[in-house]
C-alpha cells in the first residue's frame, strides 16, 4: 500500500513515516521544507533502513498538486500534516494561515474526489474545543468559537472534509491531537523548531542545554492545583502509531462512518510545573524559570477522554511523561553535540 504523507519531514510527520515504513507501507513525502530540514530523511533511513520517496513541493501551488496526483495515480491513502501551526503567529498573520491550512486542504480533496475510493487522515487539534466546559474532553464535547486563526483553520478544515466526504468517495478520520512531545528513542529524529520555540518542551530542553537563559512560565494564577495551566502531553511515537492504525482501518474498510473523529492524548493532564519537574528528574539538573503574565488565548486546562480511541481504534498511549521528556532531552543533547 502506498501512502502520501504531506509535511512528512515535520515533527509528527517524520515519526509517522517511520511507523508506516515499519508496518510495510510504501511512503511518499511532500514537504516544502519551510519548517524542517532535508536531513530528517537521513534520520528516517537510519531508523527504518529505507529511504522514503520525497518531493519538495509547495502545496499552495494548485497546478503542482494536480501534476503530483497525475503522476502518482496509485496512492491508496493520504495523511495530511502540511500546515502552519503556531497560535501566536496565526494571530499576527491570519491570511497566511488561511491560505496554507485551508487552500492546500481543498486542493488535495479536489484530487482525492476524482478517485474511485480515497482515504484521508487529517491532522486536527484539541484547539477545536476551546476551553471545554467539562474535563476530560470527549469527541462529543461542543466545538467552541476558535480562540485563534490557527484553531479556526482546524475547525474549518474538519467541516470541509465532512462536506466533501458526503459528496464523494472520500473516507476520512479526523485525529484531534492534544500536546505532542518527545522524540524517537533512537534520537535520530525529533522536534526541530526554527527560531524561538512556540511549544513548552523544546523551550525547556533548549533552556536545559544552555541555548536559552531561562524558561518563562505564563501565569501561576490559574484555578489549578499549582496555579499553572494543565495540558495532556502525549509522546510523539504513540501519536504516530495512531495514524498507522487509522490508515489501516480505512484501507480495510472497518470505519463505521464516512468521517470518524478521535481524540489522541494520554487521558491525564499535567501542569507546566509538573512538566518542568519531570525534566529536572530525567536530566538531573535544575531548570531556571520565572513566572510571567498569562498569554492571551491560553486556556486553563485541556486533557482528553481517550475511551473512543482506546476501544474503537484499539490504540492507547504507552509512554509516560518522564519517558517523553527523557527522549526529548536525549534528542536535544544529540543535535547540540
C-alpha atoms as a PDB file:
ATOM      1  CA  UNK A   1       0.000   0.000   0.000  1.00  0.00           C
ATOM      2  CA  UNK A   2       1.262   3.441  -0.984  1.00  0.00           C
ATOM      3  CA  UNK A   3       0.623   6.379   1.364  1.00  0.00           C
ATOM      4  CA  UNK A   4       1.293  10.065   0.723  1.00  0.00           C
ATOM      5  CA  UNK A   5       2.401  11.972   3.830  1.00  0.00           C
ATOM      6  CA  UNK A   6       2.219  15.752   3.396  1.00  0.00           C
ATOM      7  CA  UNK A   7       4.532  17.613   5.748  1.00  0.00           C
ATOM      8  CA  UNK A   8       6.257  14.275   6.211  1.00  0.00           C
ATOM      9  CA  UNK A   9       9.589  15.782   7.295  1.00  0.00           C
ATOM     10  CA  UNK A  10       7.992  17.731  10.138  1.00  0.00           C
ATOM     11  CA  UNK A  11       7.870  16.694  13.784  1.00  0.00           C
ATOM     12  CA  UNK A  12       4.809  14.433  13.802  1.00  0.00           C
ATOM     13  CA  UNK A  13       5.045  13.651  10.087  1.00  0.00           C
ATOM     14  CA  UNK A  14       8.551  12.179  10.265  1.00  0.00           C
ATOM     15  CA  UNK A  15       7.663   9.943  13.216  1.00  0.00           C
ATOM     16  CA  UNK A  16       4.579   8.751  11.329  1.00  0.00           C
ATOM     17  CA  UNK A  17       6.658   7.953   8.238  1.00  0.00           C
ATOM     18  CA  UNK A  18       8.899   5.775  10.431  1.00  0.00           C
ATOM     19  CA  UNK A  19       5.914   3.858  11.830  1.00  0.00           C
ATOM     20  CA  UNK A  20       4.358   3.451   8.361  1.00  0.00           C
ATOM     21  CA  UNK A  21       7.589   2.049   6.950  1.00  0.00           C
ATOM     22  CA  UNK A  22       7.955  -0.264   9.939  1.00  0.00           C
ATOM     23  CA  UNK A  23       4.486  -1.629   9.088  1.00  0.00           C
ATOM     24  CA  UNK A  24       5.459  -2.264   5.462  1.00  0.00           C
ATOM     25  CA  UNK A  25       3.823   0.738   3.785  1.00  0.00           C
ATOM     26  CA  UNK A  26       5.421   2.403   0.770  1.00  0.00           C
ATOM     27  CA  UNK A  27       5.663   6.090   1.664  1.00  0.00           C
ATOM     28  CA  UNK A  28       5.997   9.193  -0.458  1.00  0.00           C
ATOM     29  CA  UNK A  29       6.596  12.507   1.318  1.00  0.00           C
ATOM     30  CA  UNK A  30       5.721  16.007   0.182  1.00  0.00           C
ATOM     31  CA  UNK A  31       7.288  18.863   2.147  1.00  0.00           C
ATOM     32  CA  UNK A  32       8.267  22.421   1.232  1.00  0.00           C
ATOM     33  CA  UNK A  33      10.997  22.457   3.941  1.00  0.00           C
ATOM     34  CA  UNK A  34       9.638  25.717   5.376  1.00  0.00           C
ATOM     35  CA  UNK A  35       9.863  24.431   8.945  1.00  0.00           C
ATOM     36  CA  UNK A  36      12.205  21.451   8.770  1.00  0.00           C
ATOM     37  CA  UNK A  37      15.399  20.137   7.209  1.00  0.00           C
ATOM     38  CA  UNK A  38      16.192  17.626   4.484  1.00  0.00           C
ATOM     39  CA  UNK A  39      18.477  15.889   6.998  1.00  0.00           C
ATOM     40  CA  UNK A  40      15.342  14.367   8.577  1.00  0.00           C
ATOM     41  CA  UNK A  41      15.336  11.926   5.628  1.00  0.00           C
ATOM     42  CA  UNK A  42      18.668  10.550   6.878  1.00  0.00           C
ATOM     43  CA  UNK A  43      17.190  10.041  10.337  1.00  0.00           C
ATOM     44  CA  UNK A  44      14.226   8.132   8.890  1.00  0.00           C
ATOM     45  CA  UNK A  45      16.582   5.950   6.859  1.00  0.00           C
ATOM     46  CA  UNK A  46      18.817   5.282   9.877  1.00  0.00           C
ATOM     47  CA  UNK A  47      15.838   4.027  11.886  1.00  0.00           C
ATOM     48  CA  UNK A  48      13.997   2.017   9.230  1.00  0.00           C
ATOM     49  CA  UNK A  49      16.730   1.093   6.746  1.00  0.00           C
ATOM     50  CA  UNK A  50      14.583   2.583   3.962  1.00  0.00           C
ATOM     51  CA  UNK A  51      14.551   5.975   2.267  1.00  0.00           C
ATOM     52  CA  UNK A  52      11.001   7.148   1.559  1.00  0.00           C
ATOM     53  CA  UNK A  53      10.317   8.822  -1.772  1.00  0.00           C
ATOM     54  CA  UNK A  54      10.424  12.604  -1.374  1.00  0.00           C
ATOM     55  CA  UNK A  55       9.272  15.583  -3.429  1.00  0.00           C
ATOM     56  CA  UNK A  56       9.932  19.186  -2.436  1.00  0.00           C
ATOM     57  CA  UNK A  57       6.701  20.878  -3.336  1.00  0.00           C
ATOM     58  CA  UNK A  58       4.659  23.854  -2.165  1.00  0.00           C
ATOM     59  CA  UNK A  59       1.098  22.593  -1.918  1.00  0.00           C
ATOM     60  CA  UNK A  60      -0.243  26.153  -2.182  1.00  0.00           C
ATOM     61  CA  UNK A  61       0.515  25.903  -5.911  1.00  0.00           C
ATOM     62  CA  UNK A  62      -2.613  24.205  -7.212  1.00  0.00           C
ATOM     63  CA  UNK A  63      -1.109  23.200 -10.560  1.00  0.00           C
ATOM     64  CA  UNK A  64       1.742  21.431  -8.752  1.00  0.00           C
ATOM     65  CA  UNK A  65      -0.764  19.473  -6.649  1.00  0.00           C
ATOM     66  CA  UNK A  66      -2.681  18.449  -9.772  1.00  0.00           C
ATOM     67  CA  UNK A  67       0.529  17.410 -11.505  1.00  0.00           C
ATOM     68  CA  UNK A  68       1.622  15.332  -8.491  1.00  0.00           C
ATOM     69  CA  UNK A  69      -1.608  13.331  -8.407  1.00  0.00           C
ATOM     70  CA  UNK A  70      -1.483  12.853 -12.191  1.00  0.00           C
ATOM     71  CA  UNK A  71       1.963  11.286 -11.801  1.00  0.00           C
ATOM     72  CA  UNK A  72       1.004   9.205  -8.749  1.00  0.00           C
ATOM     73  CA  UNK A  73      -2.319   7.578  -9.536  1.00  0.00           C
ATOM     74  CA  UNK A  74      -1.514   4.582  -7.310  1.00  0.00           C
ATOM     75  CA  UNK A  75      -1.746   6.376  -3.936  1.00  0.00           C
ATOM     76  CA  UNK A  76      -4.004   4.401  -1.586  1.00  0.00           C
ATOM     77  CA  UNK A  77      -4.213   6.964   1.214  1.00  0.00           C
ATOM     78  CA  UNK A  78      -3.142  10.431   2.297  1.00  0.00           C
ATOM     79  CA  UNK A  79      -2.051  11.557   5.765  1.00  0.00           C
ATOM     80  CA  UNK A  80      -2.260  15.337   5.735  1.00  0.00           C
ATOM     81  CA  UNK A  81       0.059  17.157   8.163  1.00  0.00           C
ATOM     82  CA  UNK A  82       1.266  20.068   5.999  1.00  0.00           C
ATOM     83  CA  UNK A  83       0.041  23.206   7.762  1.00  0.00           C
ATOM     84  CA  UNK A  84       1.185  26.215   9.756  1.00  0.00           C
ATOM     85  CA  UNK A  85       0.712  25.574  13.466  1.00  0.00           C
ATOM     86  CA  UNK A  86       1.822  28.436  15.735  1.00  0.00           C
ATOM     87  CA  UNK A  87      -1.109  30.033  17.570  1.00  0.00           C
ATOM     88  CA  UNK A  88       0.663  33.353  18.190  1.00  0.00           C
ATOM     89  CA  UNK A  89       1.872  33.692  14.611  1.00  0.00           C
ATOM     90  CA  UNK A  90      -1.641  32.969  13.332  1.00  0.00           C
ATOM     91  CA  UNK A  91      -2.995  35.935  15.314  1.00  0.00           C
ATOM     92  CA  UNK A  92      -0.406  38.229  13.720  1.00  0.00           C
ATOM     93  CA  UNK A  93      -0.648  36.790  10.208  1.00  0.00           C
ATOM     94  CA  UNK A  94      -4.092  35.201   9.788  1.00  0.00           C
ATOM     95  CA  UNK A  95      -4.177  35.242   5.977  1.00  0.00           C
ATOM     96  CA  UNK A  96      -1.001  33.142   5.783  1.00  0.00           C
ATOM     97  CA  UNK A  97      -2.764  30.547   7.937  1.00  0.00           C
ATOM     98  CA  UNK A  98      -5.967  30.565   5.901  1.00  0.00           C
ATOM     99  CA  UNK A  99      -4.012  30.210   2.661  1.00  0.00           C
ATOM    100  CA  UNK A 100      -1.692  27.490   3.934  1.00  0.00           C
ATOM    101  CA  UNK A 101      -4.147  25.467   6.002  1.00  0.00           C
ATOM    102  CA  UNK A 102      -7.399  25.830   4.040  1.00  0.00           C
ATOM    103  CA  UNK A 103      -6.428  26.275   0.373  1.00  0.00           C
ATOM    104  CA  UNK A 104      -4.000  23.351   0.495  1.00  0.00           C
ATOM    105  CA  UNK A 105      -6.610  21.057   2.042  1.00  0.00           C
ATOM    106  CA  UNK A 106      -9.113  21.988  -0.675  1.00  0.00           C
ATOM    107  CA  UNK A 107      -6.585  21.282  -3.450  1.00  0.00           C
ATOM    108  CA  UNK A 108      -5.850  17.823  -2.007  1.00  0.00           C
ATOM    109  CA  UNK A 109      -9.532  16.985  -1.567  1.00  0.00           C
ATOM    110  CA  UNK A 110     -10.224  18.066  -5.162  1.00  0.00           C
ATOM    111  CA  UNK A 111      -7.714  15.454  -6.333  1.00  0.00           C
ATOM    112  CA  UNK A 112      -8.981  12.761  -3.949  1.00  0.00           C
ATOM    113  CA  UNK A 113     -12.600  13.158  -5.071  1.00  0.00           C
ATOM    114  CA  UNK A 114     -11.530  12.162  -8.595  1.00  0.00           C
ATOM    115  CA  UNK A 115     -10.530   8.700  -7.314  1.00  0.00           C
ATOM    116  CA  UNK A 116     -12.971   5.769  -7.131  1.00  0.00           C
ATOM    117  CA  UNK A 117     -12.027   5.364  -3.457  1.00  0.00           C
ATOM    118  CA  UNK A 118      -9.977   7.744  -1.354  1.00  0.00           C
ATOM    119  CA  UNK A 119      -8.715   7.609   2.234  1.00  0.00           C
ATOM    120  CA  UNK A 120      -7.619  10.616   4.252  1.00  0.00           C
ATOM    121  CA  UNK A 121      -6.223  11.023   7.758  1.00  0.00           C
ATOM    122  CA  UNK A 122      -6.435  14.668   8.850  1.00  0.00           C
ATOM    123  CA  UNK A 123      -4.110  16.208  11.407  1.00  0.00           C
ATOM    124  CA  UNK A 124      -6.515  18.155  13.614  1.00  0.00           C
ATOM    125  CA  UNK A 125      -6.206  19.568  17.102  1.00  0.00           C
ATOM    126  CA  UNK A 126      -7.808  19.771  20.527  1.00  0.00           C
ATOM    127  CA  UNK A 127      -7.841  23.542  19.962  1.00  0.00           C
ATOM    128  CA  UNK A 128     -11.227  22.983  18.270  1.00  0.00           C
ATOM    129  CA  UNK A 129     -12.720  22.513  21.757  1.00  0.00           C
ATOM    130  CA  UNK A 130     -11.508  25.881  23.074  1.00  0.00           C
ATOM    131  CA  UNK A 131     -11.942  25.955  26.848  1.00  0.00           C
ATOM    132  CA  UNK A 132     -14.189  22.939  27.186  1.00  0.00           C
ATOM    133  CA  UNK A 133     -16.850  23.095  29.890  1.00  0.00           C
ATOM    134  CA  UNK A 134     -16.050  19.625  31.240  1.00  0.00           C
ATOM    135  CA  UNK A 135     -12.884  17.553  31.727  1.00  0.00           C
ATOM    136  CA  UNK A 136     -11.804  15.174  30.362  1.00  0.00           C
ATOM    137  CA  UNK A 137     -12.797  16.222  26.836  1.00  0.00           C
ATOM    138  CA  UNK A 138     -14.784  13.710  24.768  1.00  0.00           C
ATOM    139  CA  UNK A 139     -15.311  13.774  20.998  1.00  0.00           C
ATOM    140  CA  UNK A 140     -18.909  14.854  21.715  1.00  0.00           C
ATOM    141  CA  UNK A 141     -17.756  17.988  23.552  1.00  0.00           C
ATOM    142  CA  UNK A 142     -19.020  21.046  21.726  1.00  0.00           C
ATOM    143  CA  UNK A 143     -16.670  22.765  19.319  1.00  0.00           C
ATOM    144  CA  UNK A 144     -16.215  26.277  20.767  1.00  0.00           C
ATOM    145  CA  UNK A 145     -15.559  29.544  18.998  1.00  0.00           C
ATOM    146  CA  UNK A 146     -11.919  29.380  17.967  1.00  0.00           C
ATOM    147  CA  UNK A 147      -9.509  31.433  20.071  1.00  0.00           C
ATOM    148  CA  UNK A 148      -7.037  31.917  17.199  1.00  0.00           C
ATOM    149  CA  UNK A 149      -6.964  31.813  13.396  1.00  0.00           C
ATOM    150  CA  UNK A 150      -4.923  28.581  13.730  1.00  0.00           C
ATOM    151  CA  UNK A 151      -7.696  26.933  15.747  1.00  0.00           C
ATOM    152  CA  UNK A 152     -10.253  28.258  13.277  1.00  0.00           C
ATOM    153  CA  UNK A 153      -8.409  26.638  10.350  1.00  0.00           C
ATOM    154  CA  UNK A 154      -8.667  23.264  12.103  1.00  0.00           C
ATOM    155  CA  UNK A 155     -12.408  23.725  12.678  1.00  0.00           C
ATOM    156  CA  UNK A 156     -12.996  24.868   9.098  1.00  0.00           C
ATOM    157  CA  UNK A 157     -10.780  22.058   7.791  1.00  0.00           C
ATOM    158  CA  UNK A 158     -12.860  19.447   9.594  1.00  0.00           C
ATOM    159  CA  UNK A 159     -16.091  20.969   8.230  1.00  0.00           C
ATOM    160  CA  UNK A 160     -14.706  20.988   4.677  1.00  0.00           C
ATOM    161  CA  UNK A 161     -13.719  17.310   4.927  1.00  0.00           C
ATOM    162  CA  UNK A 162     -17.157  16.330   6.276  1.00  0.00           C
ATOM    163  CA  UNK A 163     -18.893  18.166   3.407  1.00  0.00           C
ATOM    164  CA  UNK A 164     -16.505  16.746   0.775  1.00  0.00           C
ATOM    165  CA  UNK A 165     -16.935  13.182   2.077  1.00  0.00           C
ATOM    166  CA  UNK A 166     -20.739  13.458   1.818  1.00  0.00           C
ATOM    167  CA  UNK A 167     -20.464  14.363  -1.850  1.00  0.00           C
ATOM    168  CA  UNK A 168     -17.677  11.971  -2.920  1.00  0.00           C
ATOM    169  CA  UNK A 169     -15.928   8.638  -2.402  1.00  0.00           C
ATOM    170  CA  UNK A 170     -13.667  10.124   0.283  1.00  0.00           C
ATOM    171  CA  UNK A 171     -13.464   8.387   3.673  1.00  0.00           C
ATOM    172  CA  UNK A 172     -11.655  10.263   6.417  1.00  0.00           C
ATOM    173  CA  UNK A 173     -10.502  10.092  10.013  1.00  0.00           C
ATOM    174  CA  UNK A 174     -10.030  13.340  11.932  1.00  0.00           C
ATOM    175  CA  UNK A 175      -7.400  12.988  14.654  1.00  0.00           C
ATOM    176  CA  UNK A 176      -7.600  15.674  17.319  1.00  0.00           C
ATOM    177  CA  UNK A 177      -4.182  15.825  18.993  1.00  0.00           C
ATOM    178  CA  UNK A 178      -3.580  17.096  22.458  1.00  0.00           C
ATOM    179  CA  UNK A 179       0.082  18.097  23.103  1.00  0.00           C
ATOM    180  CA  UNK A 180       2.708  16.039  21.229  1.00  0.00           C
ATOM    181  CA  UNK A 181       6.161  15.954  22.835  1.00  0.00           C
ATOM    182  CA  UNK A 182       9.300  13.835  22.892  1.00  0.00           C
ATOM    183  CA  UNK A 183      11.384  12.287  20.147  1.00  0.00           C
ATOM    184  CA  UNK A 184      12.147   8.887  18.654  1.00  0.00           C
ATOM    185  CA  UNK A 185      14.023   6.787  21.247  1.00  0.00           C
ATOM    186  CA  UNK A 186      16.912   6.401  18.772  1.00  0.00           C
ATOM    187  CA  UNK A 187      17.377  10.224  18.838  1.00  0.00           C
ATOM    188  CA  UNK A 188      17.592  10.056  15.030  1.00  0.00           C
ATOM    189  CA  UNK A 189      14.546  12.338  14.617  1.00  0.00           C
ATOM    190  CA  UNK A 190      12.772  14.789  16.908  1.00  0.00           C
ATOM    191  CA  UNK A 191      11.325  18.284  17.087  1.00  0.00           C
ATOM    192  CA  UNK A 192      13.325  20.871  15.125  1.00  0.00           C
ATOM    193  CA  UNK A 193      11.753  24.273  15.825  1.00  0.00           C
ATOM    194  CA  UNK A 194      13.171  27.091  13.725  1.00  0.00           C
ATOM    195  CA  UNK A 195      13.910  30.193  15.785  1.00  0.00           C
ATOM    196  CA  UNK A 196      12.361  30.594  19.233  1.00  0.00           C
ATOM    197  CA  UNK A 197      10.245  27.528  20.071  1.00  0.00           C
ATOM    198  CA  UNK A 198       6.485  28.060  20.287  1.00  0.00           C
ATOM    199  CA  UNK A 199       5.944  24.936  22.410  1.00  0.00           C
ATOM    200  CA  UNK A 200       6.838  24.255  26.035  1.00  0.00           C
ATOM    201  CA  UNK A 201       9.039  21.157  25.811  1.00  0.00           C
ATOM    202  CA  UNK A 202      11.576  22.332  23.198  1.00  0.00           C
ATOM    203  CA  UNK A 203      11.865  25.580  25.170  1.00  0.00           C
ATOM    204  CA  UNK A 204      12.570  23.529  28.290  1.00  0.00           C
ATOM    205  CA  UNK A 205      15.233  21.388  26.602  1.00  0.00           C
ATOM    206  CA  UNK A 206      16.850  24.417  24.940  1.00  0.00           C
ATOM    207  CA  UNK A 207      16.990  26.111  28.347  1.00  0.00           C
ATOM    208  CA  UNK A 208      18.414  22.922  29.854  1.00  0.00           C
ATOM    209  CA  UNK A 209      21.183  22.796  27.245  1.00  0.00           C
ATOM    210  CA  UNK A 210      22.013  26.496  27.759  1.00  0.00           C
ATOM    211  CA  UNK A 211      20.624  27.851  24.496  1.00  0.00           C
ATOM    212  CA  UNK A 212      18.015  29.928  26.380  1.00  0.00           C
ATOM    213  CA  UNK A 213      18.742  31.829  29.588  1.00  0.00           C
ATOM    214  CA  UNK A 214      15.536  30.813  31.342  1.00  0.00           C
ATOM    215  CA  UNK A 215      12.040  29.488  30.714  1.00  0.00           C
ATOM    216  CA  UNK A 216       9.020  31.763  31.025  1.00  0.00           C
ATOM    217  CA  UNK A 217       6.035  30.159  32.753  1.00  0.00           C
ATOM    218  CA  UNK A 218       2.958  32.041  31.578  1.00  0.00           C
ATOM    219  CA  UNK A 219       0.805  32.507  34.660  1.00  0.00           C
ATOM    220  CA  UNK A 220       0.690  30.855  38.069  1.00  0.00           C
ATOM    221  CA  UNK A 221      -2.790  32.109  38.983  1.00  0.00           C
ATOM    222  CA  UNK A 222      -4.902  29.582  37.083  1.00  0.00           C
ATOM    223  CA  UNK A 223      -7.548  27.680  39.103  1.00  0.00           C
ATOM    224  CA  UNK A 224      -5.393  24.516  39.110  1.00  0.00           C
ATOM    225  CA  UNK A 225      -3.587  22.705  41.973  1.00  0.00           C
ATOM    226  CA  UNK A 226      -0.279  24.544  41.427  1.00  0.00           C
ATOM    227  CA  UNK A 227      -1.641  27.590  39.566  1.00  0.00           C
ATOM    228  CA  UNK A 228      -0.106  26.724  36.186  1.00  0.00           C
ATOM    229  CA  UNK A 229      -2.002  25.647  33.071  1.00  0.00           C
ATOM    230  CA  UNK A 230      -2.729  21.952  32.504  1.00  0.00           C
ATOM    231  CA  UNK A 231      -2.357  20.064  29.221  1.00  0.00           C
ATOM    232  CA  UNK A 232      -2.351  16.458  28.025  1.00  0.00           C
ATOM    233  CA  UNK A 233       1.204  15.693  26.833  1.00  0.00           C
ATOM    234  CA  UNK A 234       1.439  12.688  24.507  1.00  0.00           C
ATOM    235  CA  UNK A 235       4.645  11.033  23.257  1.00  0.00           C
ATOM    236  CA  UNK A 236       5.012  11.670  19.523  1.00  0.00           C
ATOM    237  CA  UNK A 237       5.731   7.982  18.797  1.00  0.00           C
ATOM    238  CA  UNK A 238       2.424   6.985  20.405  1.00  0.00           C
ATOM    239  CA  UNK A 239       0.738   9.650  18.301  1.00  0.00           C
ATOM    240  CA  UNK A 240       2.436   8.428  15.118  1.00  0.00           C
ATOM    241  CA  UNK A 241       1.265   4.866  15.716  1.00  0.00           C
ATOM    242  CA  UNK A 242      -2.338   6.085  15.897  1.00  0.00           C
ATOM    243  CA  UNK A 243      -2.053   7.386  12.317  1.00  0.00           C
ATOM    244  CA  UNK A 244      -0.927   3.979  11.075  1.00  0.00           C
ATOM    245  CA  UNK A 245      -3.817   2.259  12.860  1.00  0.00           C
ATOM    246  CA  UNK A 246      -6.198   4.857  11.404  1.00  0.00           C
ATOM    247  CA  UNK A 247      -4.928   4.302   7.864  1.00  0.00           C
ATOM    248  CA  UNK A 248      -5.165   0.516   8.272  1.00  0.00           C
ATOM    249  CA  UNK A 249      -8.754   0.990   9.464  1.00  0.00           C
ATOM    250  CA  UNK A 250      -9.698   2.985   6.359  1.00  0.00           C
ATOM    251  CA  UNK A 251      -7.891   0.671   3.923  1.00  0.00           C
ATOM    252  CA  UNK A 252      -9.595  -2.406   5.404  1.00  0.00           C
ATOM    253  CA  UNK A 253     -12.949  -0.571   5.314  1.00  0.00           C
ATOM    254  CA  UNK A 254     -13.551  -1.003   9.035  1.00  0.00           C
ATOM    255  CA  UNK A 255     -14.664   2.597   9.510  1.00  0.00           C
ATOM    256  CA  UNK A 256     -18.248   2.860  10.748  1.00  0.00           C
ATOM    257  CA  UNK A 257     -18.869   6.294   9.215  1.00  0.00           C
ATOM    258  CA  UNK A 258     -17.579   8.213   6.193  1.00  0.00           C
ATOM    259  CA  UNK A 259     -15.857  10.571   8.619  1.00  0.00           C
ATOM    260  CA  UNK A 260     -14.755   9.472  12.086  1.00  0.00           C
ATOM    261  CA  UNK A 261     -13.236  11.622  14.836  1.00  0.00           C
ATOM    262  CA  UNK A 262     -10.851  10.537  17.589  1.00  0.00           C
ATOM    263  CA  UNK A 263      -9.102  12.354  20.448  1.00  0.00           C
ATOM    264  CA  UNK A 264      -5.439  11.418  20.806  1.00  0.00           C
ATOM    265  CA  UNK A 265      -3.980  12.002  24.250  1.00  0.00           C
ATOM    266  CA  UNK A 266      -2.973  10.142  27.382  1.00  0.00           C
ATOM    267  CA  UNK A 267      -6.134  10.963  29.316  1.00  0.00           C
ATOM    268  CA  UNK A 268      -4.044  12.656  32.023  1.00  0.00           C
ATOM    269  CA  UNK A 269      -3.441  16.364  32.499  1.00  0.00           C
ATOM    270  CA  UNK A 270      -0.022  17.664  33.582  1.00  0.00           C
ATOM    271  CA  UNK A 271       0.693  21.215  34.711  1.00  0.00           C
ATOM    272  CA  UNK A 272       3.559  23.312  33.385  1.00  0.00           C
ATOM    273  CA  UNK A 273       5.376  22.920  36.708  1.00  0.00           C
ATOM    274  CA  UNK A 274       4.888  19.134  36.604  1.00  0.00           C
ATOM    275  CA  UNK A 275       6.483  19.062  33.146  1.00  0.00           C
ATOM    276  CA  UNK A 276       9.413  21.136  34.440  1.00  0.00           C
ATOM    277  CA  UNK A 277       9.852  18.780  37.405  1.00  0.00           C
ATOM    278  CA  UNK A 278       9.718  15.739  35.081  1.00  0.00           C
ATOM    279  CA  UNK A 279      12.518  17.290  33.028  1.00  0.00           C
ATOM    280  CA  UNK A 280      14.567  18.011  36.144  1.00  0.00           C
ATOM    281  CA  UNK A 281      14.166  14.408  37.263  1.00  0.00           C
ATOM    282  CA  UNK A 282      15.269  12.803  33.961  1.00  0.00           C
ATOM    283  CA  UNK A 283      18.077  15.325  33.291  1.00  0.00           C
ATOM    284  CA  UNK A 284      19.388  15.550  36.855  1.00  0.00           C
ATOM    285  CA  UNK A 285      19.601  19.328  36.696  1.00  0.00           C
ATOM    286  CA  UNK A 286      17.620  22.315  37.928  1.00  0.00           C
ATOM    287  CA  UNK A 287      15.851  24.367  35.271  1.00  0.00           C
ATOM    288  CA  UNK A 288      15.960  28.175  35.531  1.00  0.00           C
ATOM    289  CA  UNK A 289      12.459  29.602  35.074  1.00  0.00           C
ATOM    290  CA  UNK A 290      10.433  32.671  36.001  1.00  0.00           C
ATOM    291  CA  UNK A 291       6.711  33.285  36.331  1.00  0.00           C
ATOM    292  CA  UNK A 292       5.384  35.905  33.890  1.00  0.00           C
ATOM    293  CA  UNK A 293       1.916  37.159  32.935  1.00  0.00           C
ATOM    294  CA  UNK A 294      -0.566  34.853  31.220  1.00  0.00           C
ATOM    295  CA  UNK A 295      -0.630  34.798  27.415  1.00  0.00           C
ATOM    296  CA  UNK A 296      -3.736  35.931  25.584  1.00  0.00           C
ATOM    297  CA  UNK A 297      -5.684  32.972  24.227  1.00  0.00           C
ATOM    298  CA  UNK A 298      -4.288  30.391  26.652  1.00  0.00           C
ATOM    299  CA  UNK A 299      -6.902  28.177  28.285  1.00  0.00           C
ATOM    300  CA  UNK A 300      -6.793  26.832  31.852  1.00  0.00           C
ATOM    301  CA  UNK A 301      -6.788  23.116  31.154  1.00  0.00           C
ATOM    302  CA  UNK A 302      -7.330  20.556  28.434  1.00  0.00           C
ATOM    303  CA  UNK A 303      -6.950  16.802  28.631  1.00  0.00           C
ATOM    304  CA  UNK A 304      -8.537  14.008  26.658  1.00  0.00           C
ATOM    305  CA  UNK A 305     -11.090  11.353  27.323  1.00  0.00           C
ATOM    306  CA  UNK A 306      -9.423   8.613  25.246  1.00  0.00           C
ATOM    307  CA  UNK A 307     -12.123   5.927  25.597  1.00  0.00           C
ATOM    308  CA  UNK A 308     -13.216   6.123  21.950  1.00  0.00           C
ATOM    309  CA  UNK A 309      -9.673   5.834  20.561  1.00  0.00           C
ATOM    310  CA  UNK A 310      -8.877   3.042  23.045  1.00  0.00           C
ATOM    311  CA  UNK A 311     -11.953   0.947  22.240  1.00  0.00           C
ATOM    312  CA  UNK A 312     -12.816   1.663  18.588  1.00  0.00           C
ATOM    313  CA  UNK A 313      -9.342   2.309  17.151  1.00  0.00           C
ATOM    314  CA  UNK A 314      -7.714  -0.179  19.519  1.00  0.00           C
ATOM    315  CA  UNK A 315      -4.991   2.384  20.271  1.00  0.00           C
ATOM    316  CA  UNK A 316      -3.647   3.536  23.609  1.00  0.00           C
ATOM    317  CA  UNK A 317      -0.796   5.857  24.573  1.00  0.00           C
ATOM    318  CA  UNK A 318       2.008   3.796  26.122  1.00  0.00           C
ATOM    319  CA  UNK A 319       4.693   6.253  27.235  1.00  0.00           C
ATOM    320  CA  UNK A 320       4.820   8.239  30.467  1.00  0.00           C
ATOM    321  CA  UNK A 321       5.556  11.954  30.773  1.00  0.00           C
ATOM    322  CA  UNK A 322       9.023  11.141  32.120  1.00  0.00           C
ATOM    323  CA  UNK A 323       9.772   8.805  29.189  1.00  0.00           C
ATOM    324  CA  UNK A 324       8.693  11.514  26.742  1.00  0.00           C
ATOM    325  CA  UNK A 325      10.826  14.129  28.496  1.00  0.00           C
ATOM    326  CA  UNK A 326      13.832  11.788  28.568  1.00  0.00           C
ATOM    327  CA  UNK A 327      13.558  11.228  24.804  1.00  0.00           C
ATOM    328  CA  UNK A 328      13.221  14.979  24.163  1.00  0.00           C
ATOM    329  CA  UNK A 329      16.317  15.630  26.299  1.00  0.00           C
ATOM    330  CA  UNK A 330      18.315  12.903  24.521  1.00  0.00           C
ATOM    331  CA  UNK A 331      17.360  14.473  21.161  1.00  0.00           C
ATOM    332  CA  UNK A 332      18.311  17.983  22.319  1.00  0.00           C
ATOM    333  CA  UNK A 333      21.715  16.745  23.509  1.00  0.00           C
ATOM    334  CA  UNK A 334      22.328  14.995  20.206  1.00  0.00           C
ATOM    335  CA  UNK A 335      21.539  17.966  17.962  1.00  0.00           C
ATOM    336  CA  UNK A 336      23.692  20.305  20.075  1.00  0.00           C
ATOM    337  CA  UNK A 337      26.684  17.939  20.309  1.00  0.00           C
END
